[in-house]
Amino acid sequence: MEIDMTDAVPLMYVFDLITRAYEGSRPAQILNGVPILECLCATPIAPPEYGENEIPCFGEDGIWVVKEDHRYKQNAIGEKISGTPYWLPEDDWTTQARYMKELGPLPADAILVQPTPPPPTIEELENQCRQLRKIQLNKTDRFLMIDTSLNSSEQDAVVEYRRILKDDIPLMDGYPWDGYGPIAKSMLPEVPDCIKDSIDK
């Protein structure tokens, strides 16, 4: 039996009563100058080395056995300190990560990468791009009022800008591109200089 000594006091290796998984070490208690080496949930036998997602378990036969450990664990303030998130084939991108509650390997069909959301449909992309164009149109509504400070040529430029947004963009190759994304935004017409400082593209 291998027993570690700390300042002549043996170390005791604590394990969980139910799972028998290793939990840490402490100096042995001393009674009348003699260390107490027989405890319900501790042993003076040092556990073997173990790696990530592993834990030694103290068997009834007095032998440590290293087992897989993917359980979710938190520290005293509720922060995750270990655990392997996984998903099953029937899960989708909205499914919360699963964690093992027992010692042992992950399910044979476990997936370690969270499922991704399905790509948007053409209809969804069209709605997004339509909303993108509507935002730009709303920003320029006020420049069409009678009392606007723009002269006639500047108003014509705004009208043409709005026409392109409404009529030309839906006819361009690749429309609706990425909906509300950077590609669609790059396809918007250039804001006329006369109102560029007044709106955010």
Protein backbone atom coordinates (compact mmCIF):
# COMPACT_ATOMS: atom_id res chain seq x y z
CA MET A 1 0.00 0.00 0.00
CA GLU A 2 1.45 3.34 -1.08
CA ILE A 3 0.94 6.00 1.60
CA ASP A 4 2.02 9.63 1.13
CA MET A 5 3.33 11.51 4.16
CA THR A 6 3.03 15.27 4.81
CA ASP A 7 5.20 16.38 7.73
CA ALA A 8 4.96 12.82 9.04
CA VAL A 9 1.14 12.92 8.83
CA PRO A 10 -0.25 10.62 6.14
CA LEU A 11 -2.46 12.10 3.45
CA MET A 12 -5.97 10.75 3.14
CA TYR A 13 -7.61 10.67 -0.28
CA VAL A 14 -11.30 11.46 -0.11
CA PHE A 15 -13.87 9.86 -2.41
CA ASP A 16 -17.63 10.19 -2.85
CA LEU A 17 -19.63 7.65 -0.87
CA ILE A 18 -21.99 6.87 -3.77
CA THR A 19 -19.89 7.21 -6.93
CA ARG A 20 -16.60 6.53 -5.09
CA ALA A 21 -15.02 9.19 -7.33
CA TYR A 22 -11.93 10.98 -6.03
CA GLU A 23 -12.67 14.40 -4.50
CA GLY A 24 -9.35 15.58 -3.06
CA SER A 25 -6.94 14.99 -0.21
CA ARG A 26 -6.45 16.02 3.41
CA PRO A 27 -4.08 15.18 6.23
CA ALA A 28 -5.18 12.23 8.33
CA GLN A 29 -6.82 12.99 11.64
CA ILE A 30 -4.68 12.26 14.68
CA LEU A 31 -6.07 10.50 17.74
CA ASN A 32 -3.77 10.04 20.73
CA GLY A 33 -0.78 10.65 18.47
CA VAL A 34 -1.86 7.99 15.98
CA PRO A 35 -3.19 8.84 12.47
CA ILE A 36 -6.63 7.47 11.70
CA LEU A 37 -6.24 5.60 8.41
CA GLU A 38 -9.59 3.81 8.28
CA CYS A 39 -12.39 6.13 7.23
CA LEU A 40 -15.72 5.66 5.53
CA CYS A 41 -14.95 7.94 2.54
CA ALA A 42 -11.17 8.28 2.59
CA THR A 43 -8.15 6.08 2.07
CA PRO A 44 -4.41 6.50 2.56
CA ILE A 45 -3.84 4.85 -0.83
CA ALA A 46 -2.89 7.48 -3.40
CA PRO A 47 -4.97 7.56 -6.61
CA PRO A 48 -3.27 7.07 -9.97
CA GLU A 49 -2.65 9.88 -12.42
CA TYR A 50 -5.61 10.80 -14.60
CA GLY A 51 -6.33 13.08 -17.52
CA GLU A 52 -9.03 15.41 -18.74
CA ASN A 53 -12.54 14.00 -18.49
CA GLU A 54 -11.27 11.22 -16.23
CA ILE A 55 -11.54 10.55 -12.51
CA PRO A 56 -10.13 7.79 -10.28
CA CYS A 57 -12.75 5.78 -8.39
CA PHE A 58 -11.91 3.79 -5.29
CA GLY A 59 -13.26 0.29 -5.63
CA GLU A 60 -14.67 -1.91 -2.90
CA ASP A 61 -11.58 -4.06 -3.39
CA GLY A 62 -9.31 -1.19 -2.35
CA ILE A 63 -8.04 -0.48 -5.87
CA TRP A 64 -8.37 2.80 -7.73
CA VAL A 65 -9.85 2.55 -11.22
CA VAL A 66 -9.78 5.50 -13.66
CA LYS A 67 -13.15 6.10 -15.32
CA GLU A 68 -14.44 8.59 -17.86
CA ASP A 69 -16.07 11.62 -16.25
CA HIS A 70 -18.07 14.01 -18.43
CA ARG A 71 -20.35 15.29 -15.69
CA TYR A 72 -21.17 18.98 -15.32
CA LYS A 73 -19.47 20.51 -12.29
CA GLN A 74 -19.55 24.00 -10.80
CA ASN A 75 -17.37 25.83 -8.31
CA ALA A 76 -18.66 27.53 -5.16
CA ILE A 77 -19.87 30.59 -7.09
CA GLY A 78 -21.71 28.64 -9.76
CA GLU A 79 -19.12 28.78 -12.54
CA LYS A 80 -18.64 25.74 -14.73
CA ILE A 81 -15.32 24.04 -14.04
CA SER A 82 -15.74 20.82 -16.00
CA GLY A 83 -18.13 18.82 -18.09
CA THR A 84 -18.49 17.77 -21.72
CA PRO A 85 -21.46 19.32 -23.56
CA TYR A 86 -23.05 17.06 -26.14
CA TRP A 87 -26.14 16.71 -28.29
CA LEU A 88 -28.01 13.73 -29.71
CA PRO A 89 -29.09 13.18 -33.33
CA GLU A 90 -32.67 14.22 -32.58
CA ASP A 91 -31.55 17.58 -31.15
CA ASP A 92 -31.55 20.81 -33.15
CA TRP A 93 -29.88 24.20 -32.83
CA THR A 94 -32.36 25.31 -30.14
CA THR A 95 -31.59 22.35 -27.87
CA GLN A 96 -29.63 23.09 -24.70
CA ALA A 97 -26.37 21.20 -24.28
CA ARG A 98 -26.68 17.89 -22.49
CA TYR A 99 -24.34 16.70 -19.75
CA MET A 100 -23.75 13.31 -18.23
CA LYS A 101 -25.19 12.77 -14.76
CA GLU A 102 -23.30 9.54 -14.16
CA LEU A 103 -19.71 8.46 -14.56
CA GLY A 104 -18.81 6.72 -17.78
CA PRO A 105 -18.47 7.35 -21.50
CA LEU A 106 -20.68 9.62 -23.55
CA PRO A 107 -23.50 7.98 -25.54
CA ALA A 108 -22.25 6.26 -28.67
CA ASP A 109 -24.21 8.70 -30.87
CA ALA A 110 -23.20 11.83 -28.96
CA ILE A 111 -22.45 14.91 -31.07
CA LEU A 112 -19.87 17.29 -29.59
CA VAL A 113 -20.64 20.26 -31.85
CA GLN A 114 -23.87 22.20 -31.32
CA PRO A 115 -26.23 21.86 -34.30
CA THR A 116 -26.38 24.98 -36.42
CA PRO A 117 -29.62 26.72 -37.40
CA PRO A 118 -30.96 25.88 -40.85
CA PRO A 119 -30.18 28.40 -43.58
CA PRO A 120 -32.91 31.00 -44.13
CA THR A 121 -35.37 30.38 -46.91
CA ILE A 122 -35.59 32.61 -49.98
CA GLU A 123 -38.81 34.07 -48.57
CA GLU A 124 -37.06 34.94 -45.30
CA LEU A 125 -34.15 36.55 -47.13
CA GLU A 126 -36.54 38.54 -49.31
CA ASN A 127 -38.35 39.81 -46.24
CA GLN A 128 -35.06 40.83 -44.65
CA CYS A 129 -33.86 42.62 -47.77
CA ARG A 130 -37.25 44.30 -48.15
CA GLN A 131 -36.95 45.56 -44.58
CA LEU A 132 -33.44 46.82 -45.31
CA ARG A 133 -34.71 48.83 -48.27
CA LYS A 134 -37.69 50.11 -46.29
CA ILE A 135 -35.38 51.50 -43.62
CA GLN A 136 -33.47 53.48 -46.23
CA LEU A 137 -36.68 54.72 -47.81
CA ASN A 138 -38.05 55.86 -44.45
CA LYS A 139 -34.88 57.84 -43.84
CA THR A 140 -35.46 59.86 -47.00
CA ASP A 141 -39.21 60.49 -46.73
CA ARG A 142 -38.72 63.92 -45.20
CA PHE A 143 -36.65 65.12 -48.16
CA LEU A 144 -39.70 64.89 -50.43
CA MET A 145 -41.73 67.41 -48.42
CA ILE A 146 -42.67 70.71 -50.07
CA ASP A 147 -40.75 72.79 -47.55
CA THR A 148 -37.56 70.77 -47.92
CA SER A 149 -34.30 72.71 -48.14
CA LEU A 150 -33.22 70.78 -51.25
CA ASN A 151 -33.27 72.40 -54.64
CA SER A 152 -35.00 70.72 -57.59
CA SER A 153 -31.93 68.86 -58.87
CA GLU A 154 -31.18 67.58 -55.40
CA GLN A 155 -34.76 66.42 -54.99
CA ASP A 156 -34.47 64.62 -58.32
CA ALA A 157 -31.40 62.83 -57.00
CA VAL A 158 -33.32 61.71 -53.92
CA VAL A 159 -36.24 60.53 -56.05
CA GLU A 160 -33.88 58.51 -58.23
CA TYR A 161 -32.21 57.04 -55.15
CA ARG A 162 -35.59 55.93 -53.85
CA ARG A 163 -36.58 54.51 -57.25
CA ILE A 164 -33.50 52.32 -57.33
CA LEU A 165 -34.28 51.08 -53.83
CA LYS A 166 -37.86 50.23 -54.73
CA ASP A 167 -37.64 49.08 -58.35
CA ASP A 168 -34.11 48.20 -59.44
CA ILE A 169 -32.66 46.30 -56.50
CA PRO A 170 -35.22 43.43 -56.59
CA LEU A 171 -34.26 42.86 -60.26
CA MET A 172 -30.50 42.60 -59.65
CA ASP A 173 -28.66 39.30 -60.05
CA GLY A 174 -28.45 37.33 -56.85
CA TYR A 175 -31.26 39.18 -55.07
CA PRO A 176 -32.01 38.88 -52.13
CA TRP A 177 -28.38 37.91 -51.43
CA ASP A 178 -27.90 37.54 -47.65
CA GLY A 179 -31.08 39.36 -46.63
CA TYR A 180 -29.99 41.93 -44.08
CA GLY A 181 -26.30 41.02 -44.25
CA PRO A 182 -23.20 42.78 -45.53
CA ILE A 183 -23.62 41.65 -49.14
CA ALA A 184 -27.14 43.07 -49.38
CA LYS A 185 -26.03 46.30 -47.70
CA SER A 186 -23.19 46.66 -50.19
CA MET A 187 -25.72 46.50 -53.03
CA LEU A 188 -27.64 49.56 -51.82
CA PRO A 189 -27.28 52.59 -54.07
CA GLU A 190 -25.00 55.42 -53.07
CA VAL A 191 -26.76 58.00 -50.93
CA PRO A 192 -26.93 61.35 -52.77
CA ASP A 193 -24.33 63.83 -51.55
CA CYS A 194 -27.00 66.39 -50.75
CA ILE A 195 -28.45 64.23 -47.95
CA LYS A 196 -25.47 62.00 -47.07
CA ASP A 197 -24.65 63.99 -43.95
CA SER A 198 -28.26 63.84 -42.77
CA ILE A 199 -28.86 60.10 -42.78
CA ASP A 200 -26.95 57.00 -41.79
CA LYS A 201 -26.70 54.52 -44.57
